[in-house]
């Protein structure tokens, strides 16, 4: 723990160093960590750049455009997710119907008079083939 603290102090020390800039008698610019002897100290502050009205409007237009694009992409992703969920639900229903047909047994439906109409083996096989084709087309 102690060595970690010493290491952090050693690493942080260079970041505390100040940089000095001066011009010598010949007009050359120098940089260093110590100021020259008998130097006049001038505090230099970062320059604040004012943007004009056109620049601010252009930035605002760009931001509105990019925000509209982000909103459009989010809506597209949501639609895509909804379509994918719907497709998966449809696929699960197709597979469940296919499993019921594969289980064997007799299959029937209600006719107009309320009675049962039984399907022949050929009709059941045709339904299996149709379901298999739909699963291949619509499911992964």
Foldseek 3Di string as FASTA:
>chain_A
DVVVVVVVCVVCVVVPFDKDWDADPVGDIDIDRDDDPPDDDDDDDDDDDDDDPVVVVVVVVVVVVVVVVVVVVVVVVVVVVVVVVVLVVVLVVLVVVLVVLVVDDWDWDADPVRDTDTDDPVVSVVVNVVSVVVNVVRHD
